[in-house]
Amino acid sequence: MKHIFFIVLLFSSLLIYCNKKDFKIIIENKSDETINSLILNVQDKTFKVDKIEASKHSIIIIPFSSININAHDFRIESRFNLSDGKLNKGFYYSDLSGTPNPKYVIAVYDTNTVIK
């Protein structure tokens, strides 16, 4: 009986993992200025987002196969330069699991960025 339970549990975990093919990152520009270029690092893979107008958003779909997923942590970083030359950056880190959530929102404000 224990073997059957273990096999069912293993098979279910495999099916859940295989169904997760990608995840979404929504970048919301809540600042008063246009973002000309935003750099996004997801697990050491770099993505570049060009021009997000004030009060607009951009969506990035990231396939699981394009990033290195591990068993213990997950990280997202964003950064861009404000018009006055100062750096605006955000950081998200999860030490609970190496598996990303289905969706993240990066809210960019005038002087700071929040990733949730």
Protein backbone atom coordinates (compact mmCIF):
# COMPACT_ATOMS: atom_id res chain seq x y z
CA MET A 1 0.00 0.00 0.00
CA LYS A 2 2.86 2.38 0.80
CA HIS A 3 4.39 1.76 -2.61
CA ILE A 4 1.17 2.62 -4.44
CA PHE A 5 0.77 5.84 -2.43
CA PHE A 6 4.38 6.80 -3.14
CA ILE A 7 3.98 6.12 -6.89
CA VAL A 8 0.76 8.17 -7.06
CA LEU A 9 2.40 11.02 -5.16
CA LEU A 10 5.45 10.98 -7.40
CA PHE A 11 3.36 10.84 -10.57
CA SER A 12 1.13 13.73 -9.37
CA SER A 13 4.17 15.87 -8.59
CA LEU A 14 5.59 15.17 -12.03
CA LEU A 15 2.31 16.12 -13.73
CA ILE A 16 2.08 19.38 -11.77
CA TYR A 17 5.67 20.27 -12.64
CA CYS A 18 5.22 19.44 -16.34
CA ASN A 19 2.08 21.58 -16.62
CA LYS A 20 4.00 24.68 -15.52
CA LYS A 21 5.51 25.71 -18.82
CA ASP A 22 5.90 29.42 -18.24
CA PHE A 23 5.10 32.30 -15.91
CA LYS A 24 4.19 35.94 -16.37
CA ILE A 25 5.82 39.15 -15.16
CA ILE A 26 3.74 42.32 -15.43
CA ILE A 27 5.68 45.59 -15.24
CA GLU A 28 3.43 48.49 -14.25
CA ASN A 29 4.83 51.98 -14.74
CA LYS A 30 3.23 53.95 -11.91
CA SER A 31 5.72 56.79 -12.24
CA ASP A 32 5.22 60.15 -13.93
CA GLU A 33 7.85 59.52 -16.60
CA THR A 34 8.43 57.13 -19.47
CA ILE A 35 10.80 54.24 -18.79
CA ASN A 36 13.13 54.11 -21.78
CA SER A 37 14.78 50.81 -20.91
CA LEU A 38 14.36 48.45 -17.96
CA ILE A 39 16.68 45.50 -17.29
CA LEU A 40 15.16 42.45 -15.66
CA ASN A 41 17.21 39.54 -14.26
CA VAL A 42 15.38 36.31 -13.52
CA GLN A 43 17.61 33.58 -12.08
CA ASP A 44 20.68 35.08 -13.81
CA LYS A 45 18.95 35.38 -17.21
CA THR A 46 18.65 38.96 -18.47
CA PHE A 47 15.62 40.42 -20.23
CA LYS A 48 15.36 43.96 -21.59
CA VAL A 49 12.09 45.87 -21.74
CA ASP A 50 12.01 48.87 -24.05
CA LYS A 51 9.91 51.97 -23.42
CA ILE A 52 6.99 51.79 -21.03
CA GLU A 53 4.94 54.99 -21.06
CA ALA A 54 3.79 56.55 -17.76
CA SER A 55 0.72 54.75 -16.35
CA LYS A 56 1.11 51.87 -18.86
CA HIS A 57 2.31 48.29 -18.43
CA SER A 58 4.32 45.63 -20.21
CA ILE A 59 3.96 41.86 -19.93
CA ILE A 60 6.79 39.34 -20.24
CA ILE A 61 6.08 35.62 -20.57
CA ILE A 62 9.06 33.57 -19.40
CA PRO A 63 9.25 29.87 -20.29
CA PHE A 64 10.57 27.65 -17.51
CA SER A 65 12.98 26.14 -20.00
CA SER A 66 14.73 29.49 -20.51
CA ILE A 67 15.91 29.92 -16.90
CA ASN A 68 17.84 27.82 -14.40
CA ILE A 69 15.41 26.55 -11.79
CA ASN A 70 16.88 25.00 -8.68
CA ALA A 71 15.42 23.33 -5.62
CA HIS A 72 15.99 26.01 -3.03
CA ASP A 73 15.54 29.66 -4.14
CA PHE A 74 14.16 32.01 -6.79
CA ARG A 75 15.21 35.61 -7.57
CA ILE A 76 13.98 38.53 -9.69
CA GLU A 77 15.80 41.87 -9.98
CA SER A 78 14.83 44.96 -11.98
CA ARG A 79 16.72 48.20 -12.59
CA PHE A 80 16.70 51.31 -14.73
CA ASN A 81 18.06 54.83 -14.56
CA LEU A 82 15.75 57.71 -13.76
CA SER A 83 15.92 60.88 -15.86
CA ASP A 84 18.12 62.53 -13.19
CA GLY A 85 20.62 59.65 -13.43
CA LYS A 86 19.67 57.94 -10.17
CA LEU A 87 19.17 54.17 -10.16
CA ASN A 88 15.70 52.76 -9.49
CA LYS A 89 15.75 49.05 -8.68
CA GLY A 90 13.61 46.30 -7.21
CA PHE A 91 14.39 42.89 -5.79
CA TYR A 92 12.35 39.74 -5.07
CA TYR A 93 13.77 36.66 -3.39
CA SER A 94 12.13 33.44 -2.23
CA ASP A 95 14.10 30.97 -0.17
CA LEU A 96 11.19 28.56 0.16
CA SER A 97 11.31 27.02 -3.27
CA GLY A 98 13.09 27.27 -6.60
CA THR A 99 9.76 27.14 -8.44
CA PRO A 100 8.35 30.49 -9.58
CA ASN A 101 4.78 31.59 -8.97
CA PRO A 102 2.51 31.81 -12.04
CA LYS A 103 2.57 35.63 -11.97
CA TYR A 104 4.65 38.50 -10.57
CA VAL A 105 3.90 42.22 -10.64
CA ILE A 106 6.66 44.81 -10.74
CA ALA A 107 5.26 48.21 -9.76
CA VAL A 108 7.66 51.00 -10.73
CA TYR A 109 7.16 54.26 -8.83
CA ASP A 110 9.02 57.57 -9.14
CA THR A 111 11.83 56.64 -6.74
CA ASN A 112 11.40 52.94 -5.90
CA THR A 113 10.20 49.62 -7.29
CA VAL A 114 8.11 46.92 -5.60
CA ILE A 115 8.08 43.31 -6.82
CA LYS A 116 5.35 41.02 -5.53
